[in-house]
Amino acid sequence: MGSFLSRGFNPDTDVPDLTGKVILVTGGNSGVGFVAIQQLVRHGAKVYMGARNEQKAKAAIERLHAEGLGPGNGEVLWLNLDLSDPRAVQRAAEEFVRKEERLDVLVNNAAVLLVPFAKDHDNIQNIVMVNYIGTYLLTRFLLPLLKRTADQPNSDVRIVAVNSASHRNCPSSVRFRNLDDLNRDFTDTMFPQFLRYAFSKTMQLMFIKDLQHRLDDAGVPILCIAVDPGEVRTEGVHAYTESVGPIVGPIYRLIARLAFQTPAQGARSTVFSAGSPIPRTEPNKYRGAYLGSSCKMEKPSTLVQKAELRQELWDTTEKTLHDIGLELPPI
């Protein structure tokens, strides 16, 4: 039933009234995250836009109002969130808990794309920090609030991760035994930037699947869903095409214009996972699910499905965070 209905999912008409619900979307000042916020707030939700740049966030909120927020809509608030710094993530989570008594949906949308190899904090490479460990930390720090919300009558609590089909390109040889493994730079390959991105998305997807198993074992009725928005013409894609020079750049821009989806199209699977009633009607089907850009169920890579590798990643992540002085609340 769920897969059949999701094929025709329309965010404008198929999301119920979300009044009273509190939602946090990371990286929501542009691209897929911006459209997801727009859809969710128009259905009455109170939505926090997690972003590190206050000026860009407030400009995005002004744009949301300019494009149509009015009576009956929810509200949008900025949350100062820098996923590149572990301690900043903790501060943001603590600030959120001080402000709100509930959290119905956490949408881990923020990501960096094809960036040079660099380490800014705690000897962790940036793309792994933002795309994986930032997601891990924010989710774990907010989990007590998510669980308290899930204990309330008629609750429907979800954790959504905006992933990528690019995770399928991660080499099968990767391991997660220690921080050196997490910092693999792939410079021995032809496309190191792309493979680092695929690597980070593999780890994020492993986390979402493993978290669902652990929540199920603890009897916590939270749905964890990962989605692939497809290839989308986001601001990040535009910035990358501008960075590759005057010869290759125009070619990439042409490909993006002809073959990539708009942010509105790319946001469908995110809004479906965050706001559609369908996943809650079939929770066993959607627990730990991976949805494609058309909202259909898909199988993740064989690598992601390896329980022993997911355990290895979980253990190394916990140890890494412990070593830098961060203690996480239990599941």
C-alpha atoms as a PDB file:
ATOM      1  CA  MET A   1       0.000   0.000   0.000  1.00  0.00           C
ATOM      2  CA  GLY A   2       2.703   2.476   1.030  1.00  0.00           C
ATOM      3  CA  SER A   3       4.809   2.043  -2.105  1.00  0.00           C
ATOM      4  CA  PHE A   4       1.725   2.330  -4.322  1.00  0.00           C
ATOM      5  CA  LEU A   5       0.518   5.513  -2.670  1.00  0.00           C
ATOM      6  CA  SER A   6       3.967   7.082  -2.538  1.00  0.00           C
ATOM      7  CA  ARG A   7       4.305   6.920  -6.339  1.00  0.00           C
ATOM      8  CA  GLY A   8       1.785   9.717  -6.620  1.00  0.00           C
ATOM      9  CA  PHE A   9       2.871  11.638  -3.545  1.00  0.00           C
ATOM     10  CA  ASN A  10       2.145  15.343  -3.820  1.00  0.00           C
ATOM     11  CA  PRO A  11       3.697  17.444  -1.019  1.00  0.00           C
ATOM     12  CA  ASP A  12       1.075  20.157  -1.490  1.00  0.00           C
ATOM     13  CA  THR A  13      -1.911  17.880  -0.898  1.00  0.00           C
ATOM     14  CA  ASP A  14      -0.715  14.651   0.728  1.00  0.00           C
ATOM     15  CA  VAL A  15       0.781  16.025   3.943  1.00  0.00           C
ATOM     16  CA  PRO A  16      -1.733  16.396   6.799  1.00  0.00           C
ATOM     17  CA  ASP A  17      -2.027  19.322   9.172  1.00  0.00           C
ATOM     18  CA  LEU A  18       1.225  19.465  11.143  1.00  0.00           C
ATOM     19  CA  THR A  19       0.128  22.117  13.635  1.00  0.00           C
ATOM     20  CA  GLY A  20       1.727  21.459  17.018  1.00  0.00           C
ATOM     21  CA  LYS A  21       4.630  19.500  15.584  1.00  0.00           C
ATOM     22  CA  VAL A  22       8.225  20.692  15.987  1.00  0.00           C
ATOM     23  CA  ILE A  23      10.707  19.856  13.240  1.00  0.00           C
ATOM     24  CA  LEU A  24      14.428  20.540  12.825  1.00  0.00           C
ATOM     25  CA  VAL A  25      15.929  20.590   9.326  1.00  0.00           C
ATOM     26  CA  THR A  26      19.697  20.956   9.045  1.00  0.00           C
ATOM     27  CA  GLY A  27      21.166  22.928   6.167  1.00  0.00           C
ATOM     28  CA  GLY A  28      17.759  24.304   5.307  1.00  0.00           C
ATOM     29  CA  ASN A  29      18.803  27.714   4.016  1.00  0.00           C
ATOM     30  CA  SER A  30      19.083  26.446   0.427  1.00  0.00           C
ATOM     31  CA  GLY A  31      18.399  23.562  -1.952  1.00  0.00           C
ATOM     32  CA  VAL A  32      16.394  20.518  -0.916  1.00  0.00           C
ATOM     33  CA  GLY A  33      16.364  21.583   2.727  1.00  0.00           C
ATOM     34  CA  PHE A  34      14.843  24.959   1.896  1.00  0.00           C
ATOM     35  CA  VAL A  35      12.013  23.388  -0.099  1.00  0.00           C
ATOM     36  CA  ALA A  36      11.404  20.783   2.610  1.00  0.00           C
ATOM     37  CA  ILE A  37      11.065  23.534   5.213  1.00  0.00           C
ATOM     38  CA  GLN A  38       8.754  25.452   2.906  1.00  0.00           C
ATOM     39  CA  GLN A  39       6.451  22.461   2.496  1.00  0.00           C
ATOM     40  CA  LEU A  40       6.442  21.470   6.165  1.00  0.00           C
ATOM     41  CA  VAL A  41       5.833  24.967   7.515  1.00  0.00           C
ATOM     42  CA  ARG A  42       3.021  25.563   5.030  1.00  0.00           C
ATOM     43  CA  HIS A  43       1.281  22.584   6.641  1.00  0.00           C
ATOM     44  CA  GLY A  44       1.488  24.198  10.064  1.00  0.00           C
ATOM     45  CA  ALA A  45       4.697  22.852  11.610  1.00  0.00           C
ATOM     46  CA  LYS A  46       7.087  24.873  13.711  1.00  0.00           C
ATOM     47  CA  VAL A  47      10.365  24.368  11.855  1.00  0.00           C
ATOM     48  CA  TYR A  48      13.886  25.179  12.935  1.00  0.00           C
ATOM     49  CA  MET A  49      16.394  25.883  10.193  1.00  0.00           C
ATOM     50  CA  GLY A  50      19.762  24.581  11.366  1.00  0.00           C
ATOM     51  CA  ALA A  51      22.510  26.616   9.703  1.00  0.00           C
ATOM     52  CA  ARG A  52      25.833  28.116  10.735  1.00  0.00           C
ATOM     53  CA  ASN A  53      25.565  31.369   8.788  1.00  0.00           C
ATOM     54  CA  GLU A  54      23.044  33.669  10.476  1.00  0.00           C
ATOM     55  CA  GLN A  55      22.911  36.097   7.572  1.00  0.00           C
ATOM     56  CA  LYS A  56      22.128  33.366   5.027  1.00  0.00           C
ATOM     57  CA  ALA A  57      19.606  31.732   7.341  1.00  0.00           C
ATOM     58  CA  LYS A  58      17.720  34.951   7.966  1.00  0.00           C
ATOM     59  CA  ALA A  59      17.757  35.769   4.250  1.00  0.00           C
ATOM     60  CA  ALA A  60      16.298  32.316   3.560  1.00  0.00           C
ATOM     61  CA  ILE A  61      13.579  32.866   6.172  1.00  0.00           C
ATOM     62  CA  GLU A  62      12.732  36.212   4.567  1.00  0.00           C
ATOM     63  CA  ARG A  63      12.499  34.427   1.214  1.00  0.00           C
ATOM     64  CA  LEU A  64      10.131  31.841   2.710  1.00  0.00           C
ATOM     65  CA  HIS A  65       7.830  34.625   3.865  1.00  0.00           C
ATOM     66  CA  ALA A  66       8.093  36.412   0.530  1.00  0.00           C
ATOM     67  CA  GLU A  67       7.152  33.225  -1.343  1.00  0.00           C
ATOM     68  CA  GLY A  68       4.056  32.671   0.742  1.00  0.00           C
ATOM     69  CA  LEU A  69       3.652  32.069   4.462  1.00  0.00           C
ATOM     70  CA  GLY A  70       0.475  33.309   6.019  1.00  0.00           C
ATOM     71  CA  PRO A  71      -2.406  32.549   8.385  1.00  0.00           C
ATOM     72  CA  GLY A  72      -2.616  28.850   9.141  1.00  0.00           C
ATOM     73  CA  ASN A  73       1.029  28.293   8.336  1.00  0.00           C
ATOM     74  CA  GLY A  74       3.601  27.426  10.954  1.00  0.00           C
ATOM     75  CA  GLU A  75       6.722  29.389  11.780  1.00  0.00           C
ATOM     76  CA  VAL A  76      10.398  29.168  10.896  1.00  0.00           C
ATOM     77  CA  LEU A  77      13.193  29.862  13.367  1.00  0.00           C
ATOM     78  CA  TRP A  78      16.967  29.828  13.002  1.00  0.00           C
ATOM     79  CA  LEU A  79      19.118  27.449  15.036  1.00  0.00           C
ATOM     80  CA  ASN A  80      22.828  28.228  15.097  1.00  0.00           C
ATOM     81  CA  LEU A  81      24.308  24.901  13.970  1.00  0.00           C
ATOM     82  CA  ASP A  82      27.824  24.270  12.679  1.00  0.00           C
ATOM     83  CA  LEU A  83      28.159  20.576  11.818  1.00  0.00           C
ATOM     84  CA  SER A  84      31.869  20.920  11.093  1.00  0.00           C
ATOM     85  CA  ASP A  85      32.682  21.359  14.804  1.00  0.00           C
ATOM     86  CA  PRO A  86      31.704  18.578  17.260  1.00  0.00           C
ATOM     87  CA  ARG A  87      31.383  20.919  20.222  1.00  0.00           C
ATOM     88  CA  ALA A  88      29.294  23.388  18.227  1.00  0.00           C
ATOM     89  CA  VAL A  89      26.920  20.525  17.449  1.00  0.00           C
ATOM     90  CA  GLN A  90      26.600  19.788  21.156  1.00  0.00           C
ATOM     91  CA  ARG A  91      25.942  23.458  21.933  1.00  0.00           C
ATOM     92  CA  ALA A  92      23.249  23.628  19.246  1.00  0.00           C
ATOM     93  CA  ALA A  93      21.522  20.516  20.589  1.00  0.00           C
ATOM     94  CA  GLU A  94      21.620  21.912  24.131  1.00  0.00           C
ATOM     95  CA  GLU A  95      20.178  25.212  22.932  1.00  0.00           C
ATOM     96  CA  PHE A  96      17.379  23.405  21.123  1.00  0.00           C
ATOM     97  CA  VAL A  97      16.479  21.370  24.216  1.00  0.00           C
ATOM     98  CA  ARG A  98      16.354  24.571  26.274  1.00  0.00           C
ATOM     99  CA  LYS A  99      13.898  26.091  23.805  1.00  0.00           C
ATOM    100  CA  GLU A 100      11.609  23.166  23.043  1.00  0.00           C
ATOM    101  CA  GLU A 101       9.780  20.483  25.010  1.00  0.00           C
ATOM    102  CA  ARG A 102       9.309  18.218  22.006  1.00  0.00           C
ATOM    103  CA  LEU A 103      10.898  17.251  18.696  1.00  0.00           C
ATOM    104  CA  ASP A 104       8.720  15.309  16.277  1.00  0.00           C
ATOM    105  CA  VAL A 105      10.988  15.108  13.249  1.00  0.00           C
ATOM    106  CA  LEU A 106      14.725  15.552  12.801  1.00  0.00           C
ATOM    107  CA  VAL A 107      15.770  15.932   9.166  1.00  0.00           C
ATOM    108  CA  ASN A 108      19.523  15.521   8.747  1.00  0.00           C
ATOM    109  CA  ASN A 109      19.789  17.251   5.389  1.00  0.00           C
ATOM    110  CA  ALA A 110      23.008  19.308   5.552  1.00  0.00           C
ATOM    111  CA  ALA A 111      26.005  18.059   3.605  1.00  0.00           C
ATOM    112  CA  VAL A 112      29.107  19.165   1.768  1.00  0.00           C
ATOM    113  CA  LEU A 113      29.752  17.798  -1.693  1.00  0.00           C
ATOM    114  CA  LEU A 114      32.997  17.595  -3.653  1.00  0.00           C
ATOM    115  CA  VAL A 115      35.472  19.429  -1.461  1.00  0.00           C
ATOM    116  CA  PRO A 116      39.266  19.279  -1.057  1.00  0.00           C
ATOM    117  CA  PHE A 117      40.652  17.077   1.685  1.00  0.00           C
ATOM    118  CA  ALA A 118      41.026  19.068   4.915  1.00  0.00           C
ATOM    119  CA  LYS A 119      40.845  18.685   8.673  1.00  0.00           C
ATOM    120  CA  ASP A 120      39.584  21.591  10.788  1.00  0.00           C
ATOM    121  CA  HIS A 121      38.615  19.962  14.089  1.00  0.00           C
ATOM    122  CA  ASP A 122      39.968  17.060  16.151  1.00  0.00           C
ATOM    123  CA  ASN A 123      41.939  15.487  13.296  1.00  0.00           C
ATOM    124  CA  ILE A 124      38.725  14.430  11.522  1.00  0.00           C
ATOM    125  CA  GLN A 125      38.420  15.129   7.803  1.00  0.00           C
ATOM    126  CA  ASN A 126      35.785  17.751   7.091  1.00  0.00           C
ATOM    127  CA  ILE A 127      33.479  15.819   4.775  1.00  0.00           C
ATOM    128  CA  VAL A 128      33.249  12.954   7.259  1.00  0.00           C
ATOM    129  CA  MET A 129      32.646  15.405  10.084  1.00  0.00           C
ATOM    130  CA  VAL A 130      29.791  17.241   8.364  1.00  0.00           C
ATOM    131  CA  ASN A 131      28.135  14.435   6.418  1.00  0.00           C
ATOM    132  CA  TYR A 132      28.456  11.643   8.968  1.00  0.00           C
ATOM    133  CA  ILE A 133      29.745  12.510  12.432  1.00  0.00           C
ATOM    134  CA  GLY A 134      27.744  15.748  12.570  1.00  0.00           C
ATOM    135  CA  THR A 135      24.596  13.747  11.796  1.00  0.00           C
ATOM    136  CA  TYR A 136      25.584  11.134  14.380  1.00  0.00           C
ATOM    137  CA  LEU A 137      26.255  13.700  17.107  1.00  0.00           C
ATOM    138  CA  LEU A 138      23.191  15.846  16.564  1.00  0.00           C
ATOM    139  CA  THR A 139      20.926  12.816  16.478  1.00  0.00           C
ATOM    140  CA  ARG A 140      22.425  11.271  19.595  1.00  0.00           C
ATOM    141  CA  PHE A 141      22.336  14.519  21.580  1.00  0.00           C
ATOM    142  CA  LEU A 142      18.688  15.091  20.603  1.00  0.00           C
ATOM    143  CA  LEU A 143      17.643  11.479  21.097  1.00  0.00           C
ATOM    144  CA  PRO A 144      16.433  11.940  24.714  1.00  0.00           C
ATOM    145  CA  LEU A 145      14.048  14.679  23.524  1.00  0.00           C
ATOM    146  CA  LEU A 146      12.943  12.575  20.550  1.00  0.00           C
ATOM    147  CA  LYS A 147      12.257   9.647  22.897  1.00  0.00           C
ATOM    148  CA  ARG A 148      10.272  11.804  25.315  1.00  0.00           C
ATOM    149  CA  THR A 149       8.178  13.020  22.403  1.00  0.00           C
ATOM    150  CA  ALA A 150       7.645   9.439  21.232  1.00  0.00           C
ATOM    151  CA  ASP A 151       6.270   8.567  24.691  1.00  0.00           C
ATOM    152  CA  GLN A 152       3.463  11.094  24.313  1.00  0.00           C
ATOM    153  CA  PRO A 153      -0.002  10.006  23.111  1.00  0.00           C
ATOM    154  CA  ASN A 154      -0.553   9.972  19.337  1.00  0.00           C
ATOM    155  CA  SER A 155       3.067  10.862  18.630  1.00  0.00           C
ATOM    156  CA  ASP A 156       4.794  10.090  15.347  1.00  0.00           C
ATOM    157  CA  VAL A 157       8.511  10.687  15.750  1.00  0.00           C
ATOM    158  CA  ARG A 158      10.911  10.282  12.829  1.00  0.00           C
ATOM    159  CA  ILE A 159      14.581  10.711  12.033  1.00  0.00           C
ATOM    160  CA  VAL A 160      15.219  11.369   8.347  1.00  0.00           C
ATOM    161  CA  ALA A 161      18.622  11.386   6.679  1.00  0.00           C
ATOM    162  CA  VAL A 162      19.050  12.897   3.231  1.00  0.00           C
ATOM    163  CA  ASN A 163      21.511  10.464   1.701  1.00  0.00           C
ATOM    164  CA  SER A 164      22.624   9.819  -1.876  1.00  0.00           C
ATOM    165  CA  ALA A 165      22.682   7.034  -4.433  1.00  0.00           C
ATOM    166  CA  SER A 166      26.372   7.906  -4.686  1.00  0.00           C
ATOM    167  CA  HIS A 167      26.912   5.735  -1.610  1.00  0.00           C
ATOM    168  CA  ARG A 168      26.809   2.776  -4.013  1.00  0.00           C
ATOM    169  CA  ASN A 169      30.125   3.942  -5.475  1.00  0.00           C
ATOM    170  CA  CYS A 170      31.995   3.566  -2.198  1.00  0.00           C
ATOM    171  CA  PRO A 171      34.767   0.962  -2.644  1.00  0.00           C
ATOM    172  CA  SER A 172      34.003  -2.371  -0.975  1.00  0.00           C
ATOM    173  CA  SER A 173      37.485  -2.385   0.548  1.00  0.00           C
ATOM    174  CA  VAL A 174      36.727   0.342   3.102  1.00  0.00           C
ATOM    175  CA  ARG A 175      37.053  -0.393   6.811  1.00  0.00           C
ATOM    176  CA  PHE A 176      36.185   1.497   9.979  1.00  0.00           C
ATOM    177  CA  ARG A 177      38.694   0.164  12.481  1.00  0.00           C
ATOM    178  CA  ASN A 178      40.127   3.479  13.641  1.00  0.00           C
ATOM    179  CA  LEU A 179      40.293   7.204  12.911  1.00  0.00           C
ATOM    180  CA  ASP A 180      42.829   6.651  10.145  1.00  0.00           C
ATOM    181  CA  ASP A 181      40.227   4.561   8.339  1.00  0.00           C
ATOM    182  CA  LEU A 182      37.647   7.341   8.734  1.00  0.00           C
ATOM    183  CA  ASN A 183      40.172   9.801   7.326  1.00  0.00           C
ATOM    184  CA  ARG A 184      40.884   7.811   4.182  1.00  0.00           C
ATOM    185  CA  ASP A 185      41.611  10.326   1.424  1.00  0.00           C
ATOM    186  CA  PHE A 186      41.296   8.075  -1.662  1.00  0.00           C
ATOM    187  CA  THR A 187      44.159   9.883  -3.369  1.00  0.00           C
ATOM    188  CA  ASP A 188      45.184   6.561  -4.898  1.00  0.00           C
ATOM    189  CA  THR A 189      42.077   6.708  -7.103  1.00  0.00           C
ATOM    190  CA  MET A 190      41.031   8.769 -10.135  1.00  0.00           C
ATOM    191  CA  PHE A 191      38.170  10.566  -8.364  1.00  0.00           C
ATOM    192  CA  PRO A 192      39.167  11.113  -4.727  1.00  0.00           C
ATOM    193  CA  GLN A 193      36.686  13.938  -4.024  1.00  0.00           C
ATOM    194  CA  PHE A 194      33.757  11.919  -5.308  1.00  0.00           C
ATOM    195  CA  LEU A 195      34.797   8.782  -3.419  1.00  0.00           C
ATOM    196  CA  ARG A 196      35.207  10.724  -0.175  1.00  0.00           C
ATOM    197  CA  TYR A 197      31.646  11.935  -0.629  1.00  0.00           C
ATOM    198  CA  ALA A 198      30.394   8.401  -1.349  1.00  0.00           C
ATOM    199  CA  PHE A 199      32.327   7.172   1.690  1.00  0.00           C
ATOM    200  CA  SER A 200      30.722   9.762   3.979  1.00  0.00           C
ATOM    201  CA  LYS A 201      27.244   8.918   2.712  1.00  0.00           C
ATOM    202  CA  THR A 202      27.903   5.219   3.222  1.00  0.00           C
ATOM    203  CA  MET A 203      28.717   5.890   6.855  1.00  0.00           C
ATOM    204  CA  GLN A 204      25.631   8.042   7.325  1.00  0.00           C
ATOM    205  CA  LEU A 205      23.401   5.336   5.877  1.00  0.00           C
ATOM    206  CA  MET A 206      25.043   2.673   8.043  1.00  0.00           C
ATOM    207  CA  PHE A 207      24.323   4.820  11.095  1.00  0.00           C
ATOM    208  CA  ILE A 208      20.639   5.238  10.226  1.00  0.00           C
ATOM    209  CA  LYS A 209      20.164   1.505   9.735  1.00  0.00           C
ATOM    210  CA  ASP A 210      22.045   0.611  12.898  1.00  0.00           C
ATOM    211  CA  LEU A 211      20.224   3.251  14.927  1.00  0.00           C
ATOM    212  CA  GLN A 212      16.882   1.787  13.833  1.00  0.00           C
ATOM    213  CA  HIS A 213      17.948  -1.671  15.017  1.00  0.00           C
ATOM    214  CA  ARG A 214      19.013  -0.282  18.387  1.00  0.00           C
ATOM    215  CA  LEU A 215      15.825   1.716  18.838  1.00  0.00           C
ATOM    216  CA  ASP A 216      13.768  -1.356  17.951  1.00  0.00           C
ATOM    217  CA  ASP A 217      15.665  -3.451  20.481  1.00  0.00           C
ATOM    218  CA  ALA A 218      14.960  -0.793  23.115  1.00  0.00           C
ATOM    219  CA  GLY A 219      11.268  -0.695  22.228  1.00  0.00           C
ATOM    220  CA  VAL A 220      11.403   2.926  21.079  1.00  0.00           C
ATOM    221  CA  PRO A 221       8.775   3.617  18.347  1.00  0.00           C
ATOM    222  CA  ILE A 222      10.861   6.069  16.308  1.00  0.00           C
ATOM    223  CA  LEU A 223      11.100   5.607  12.540  1.00  0.00           C
ATOM    224  CA  CYS A 224      14.510   6.121  10.932  1.00  0.00           C
ATOM    225  CA  ILE A 225      14.362   6.656   7.179  1.00  0.00           C
ATOM    226  CA  ALA A 226      17.093   7.533   4.679  1.00  0.00           C
ATOM    227  CA  VAL A 227      16.255   9.095   1.333  1.00  0.00           C
ATOM    228  CA  ASP A 228      17.966   9.774  -1.958  1.00  0.00           C
ATOM    229  CA  PRO A 229      16.777  13.091  -3.430  1.00  0.00           C
ATOM    230  CA  GLY A 230      18.317  12.260  -6.804  1.00  0.00           C
ATOM    231  CA  GLU A 231      20.596  14.550  -8.763  1.00  0.00           C
ATOM    232  CA  VAL A 232      19.458  18.066  -7.903  1.00  0.00           C
ATOM    233  CA  ARG A 233      20.451  21.512  -9.182  1.00  0.00           C
ATOM    234  CA  THR A 234      21.307  22.917  -5.761  1.00  0.00           C
ATOM    235  CA  GLU A 235      23.462  25.886  -4.862  1.00  0.00           C
ATOM    236  CA  GLY A 236      26.197  23.407  -3.931  1.00  0.00           C
ATOM    237  CA  VAL A 237      26.174  21.916  -7.424  1.00  0.00           C
ATOM    238  CA  HIS A 238      26.307  25.398  -8.928  1.00  0.00           C
ATOM    239  CA  ALA A 239      29.248  26.330  -6.706  1.00  0.00           C
ATOM    240  CA  TYR A 240      31.105  23.205  -7.801  1.00  0.00           C
ATOM    241  CA  THR A 241      30.587  23.948 -11.495  1.00  0.00           C
ATOM    242  CA  GLU A 242      31.970  27.427 -10.892  1.00  0.00           C
ATOM    243  CA  SER A 243      35.051  26.010  -9.159  1.00  0.00           C
ATOM    244  CA  VAL A 244      36.288  23.687 -11.912  1.00  0.00           C
ATOM    245  CA  GLY A 245      37.362  26.341 -14.380  1.00  0.00           C
ATOM    246  CA  PRO A 246      36.206  27.960 -17.621  1.00  0.00           C
ATOM    247  CA  ILE A 247      36.531  24.825 -19.781  1.00  0.00           C
ATOM    248  CA  VAL A 248      34.952  22.049 -17.712  1.00  0.00           C
ATOM    249  CA  GLY A 249      32.556  24.318 -15.796  1.00  0.00           C
ATOM    250  CA  PRO A 250      30.193  25.112 -18.702  1.00  0.00           C
ATOM    251  CA  ILE A 251      29.984  21.409 -19.565  1.00  0.00           C
ATOM    252  CA  TYR A 252      29.019  20.522 -16.004  1.00  0.00           C
ATOM    253  CA  ARG A 253      26.471  23.347 -15.903  1.00  0.00           C
ATOM    254  CA  LEU A 254      24.871  22.092 -19.121  1.00  0.00           C
ATOM    255  CA  ILE A 255      24.631  18.564 -17.727  1.00  0.00           C
ATOM    256  CA  ALA A 256      23.080  19.870 -14.511  1.00  0.00           C
ATOM    257  CA  ARG A 257      20.562  21.991 -16.397  1.00  0.00           C
ATOM    258  CA  LEU A 258      19.481  19.146 -18.709  1.00  0.00           C
ATOM    259  CA  ALA A 259      19.659  16.104 -16.435  1.00  0.00           C
ATOM    260  CA  PHE A 260      19.260  17.247 -12.822  1.00  0.00           C
ATOM    261  CA  GLN A 261      16.011  17.818 -10.952  1.00  0.00           C
ATOM    262  CA  THR A 262      14.875  21.082  -9.441  1.00  0.00           C
ATOM    263  CA  PRO A 263      15.114  21.398  -5.625  1.00  0.00           C
ATOM    264  CA  ALA A 264      11.311  21.117  -5.467  1.00  0.00           C
ATOM    265  CA  GLN A 265      11.436  17.768  -7.256  1.00  0.00           C
ATOM    266  CA  GLY A 266      14.384  16.613  -5.177  1.00  0.00           C
ATOM    267  CA  ALA A 267      12.624  17.428  -1.901  1.00  0.00           C
ATOM    268  CA  ARG A 268       9.695  15.073  -2.484  1.00  0.00           C
ATOM    269  CA  SER A 269      11.281  12.041  -0.826  1.00  0.00           C
ATOM    270  CA  THR A 270      12.362  14.145   2.166  1.00  0.00           C
ATOM    271  CA  VAL A 271       8.906  15.648   2.683  1.00  0.00           C
ATOM    272  CA  PHE A 272       7.301  12.228   2.215  1.00  0.00           C
ATOM    273  CA  SER A 273       9.534  10.686   4.880  1.00  0.00           C
ATOM    274  CA  ALA A 274       9.068  13.600   7.283  1.00  0.00           C
ATOM    275  CA  GLY A 275       5.404  14.421   6.812  1.00  0.00           C
ATOM    276  CA  SER A 276       3.400  11.786   4.952  1.00  0.00           C
ATOM    277  CA  PRO A 277       1.147   9.578   7.094  1.00  0.00           C
ATOM    278  CA  ILE A 278       2.037   6.523   4.990  1.00  0.00           C
ATOM    279  CA  PRO A 279       5.241   5.432   6.805  1.00  0.00           C
ATOM    280  CA  ARG A 280       3.446   5.354  10.160  1.00  0.00           C
ATOM    281  CA  THR A 281       0.629   3.209   8.743  1.00  0.00           C
ATOM    282  CA  GLU A 282       3.216   0.570   7.788  1.00  0.00           C
ATOM    283  CA  PRO A 283       6.002   1.050  10.332  1.00  0.00           C
ATOM    284  CA  ASN A 284       7.514  -2.403   9.876  1.00  0.00           C
ATOM    285  CA  LYS A 285       8.008  -1.630   6.207  1.00  0.00           C
ATOM    286  CA  TYR A 286       9.595   1.780   6.740  1.00  0.00           C
ATOM    287  CA  ARG A 287      11.825   1.087   9.753  1.00  0.00           C
ATOM    288  CA  GLY A 288      15.371   1.696   8.603  1.00  0.00           C
ATOM    289  CA  ALA A 289      14.177   2.052   5.017  1.00  0.00           C
ATOM    290  CA  TYR A 290      16.083   3.587   2.153  1.00  0.00           C
ATOM    291  CA  LEU A 291      13.859   5.443  -0.319  1.00  0.00           C
ATOM    292  CA  GLY A 292      14.756   6.564  -3.801  1.00  0.00           C
ATOM    293  CA  SER A 293      13.939   9.950  -5.267  1.00  0.00           C
ATOM    294  CA  SER A 294      10.473   8.719  -6.328  1.00  0.00           C
ATOM    295  CA  CYS A 295       9.730   7.680  -2.709  1.00  0.00           C
ATOM    296  CA  LYS A 296       9.931   3.987  -3.605  1.00  0.00           C
ATOM    297  CA  MET A 297      11.752   1.469  -1.438  1.00  0.00           C
ATOM    298  CA  GLU A 298      15.248   0.627  -2.650  1.00  0.00           C
ATOM    299  CA  LYS A 299      17.995  -1.635  -1.376  1.00  0.00           C
ATOM    300  CA  PRO A 300      21.131   0.138  -0.203  1.00  0.00           C
ATOM    301  CA  SER A 301      24.552  -1.107  -1.248  1.00  0.00           C
ATOM    302  CA  THR A 302      25.780  -4.517  -0.135  1.00  0.00           C
ATOM    303  CA  LEU A 303      28.394  -2.720   1.940  1.00  0.00           C
ATOM    304  CA  VAL A 304      25.746  -0.910   3.997  1.00  0.00           C
ATOM    305  CA  GLN A 305      23.949  -4.182   4.672  1.00  0.00           C
ATOM    306  CA  LYS A 306      26.962  -5.780   6.380  1.00  0.00           C
ATOM    307  CA  ALA A 307      26.126  -5.848  10.093  1.00  0.00           C
ATOM    308  CA  GLU A 308      29.706  -6.496  11.154  1.00  0.00           C
ATOM    309  CA  LEU A 309      30.930  -3.396   9.311  1.00  0.00           C
ATOM    310  CA  ARG A 310      28.139  -1.293  10.793  1.00  0.00           C
ATOM    311  CA  GLN A 311      29.189  -2.465  14.259  1.00  0.00           C
ATOM    312  CA  GLU A 312      32.819  -1.647  13.463  1.00  0.00           C
ATOM    313  CA  LEU A 313      31.804   1.854  12.403  1.00  0.00           C
ATOM    314  CA  TRP A 314      29.637   2.375  15.480  1.00  0.00           C
ATOM    315  CA  ASP A 315      32.407   1.273  17.852  1.00  0.00           C
ATOM    316  CA  THR A 316      35.058   3.437  16.191  1.00  0.00           C
ATOM    317  CA  THR A 317      32.759   6.465  16.126  1.00  0.00           C
ATOM    318  CA  GLU A 318      31.977   6.083  19.816  1.00  0.00           C
ATOM    319  CA  LYS A 319      35.674   5.719  20.664  1.00  0.00           C
ATOM    320  CA  THR A 320      36.639   8.713  18.513  1.00  0.00           C
ATOM    321  CA  LEU A 321      34.075  10.937  20.190  1.00  0.00           C
ATOM    322  CA  HIS A 322      35.048   9.672  23.641  1.00  0.00           C
ATOM    323  CA  ASP A 323      38.713  10.422  22.883  1.00  0.00           C
ATOM    324  CA  ILE A 324      37.902  14.062  22.080  1.00  0.00           C
ATOM    325  CA  GLY A 325      35.929  14.424  25.294  1.00  0.00           C
ATOM    326  CA  LEU A 326      32.323  14.049  24.132  1.00  0.00           C
ATOM    327  CA  GLU A 327      30.041  11.750  26.096  1.00  0.00           C
ATOM    328  CA  LEU A 328      26.774  10.805  24.443  1.00  0.00           C
ATOM    329  CA  PRO A 329      23.480   9.945  26.126  1.00  0.00           C
ATOM    330  CA  PRO A 330      22.524   6.249  25.925  1.00  0.00           C
ATOM    331  CA  ILE A 331      20.001   4.979  23.419  1.00  0.00           C
END
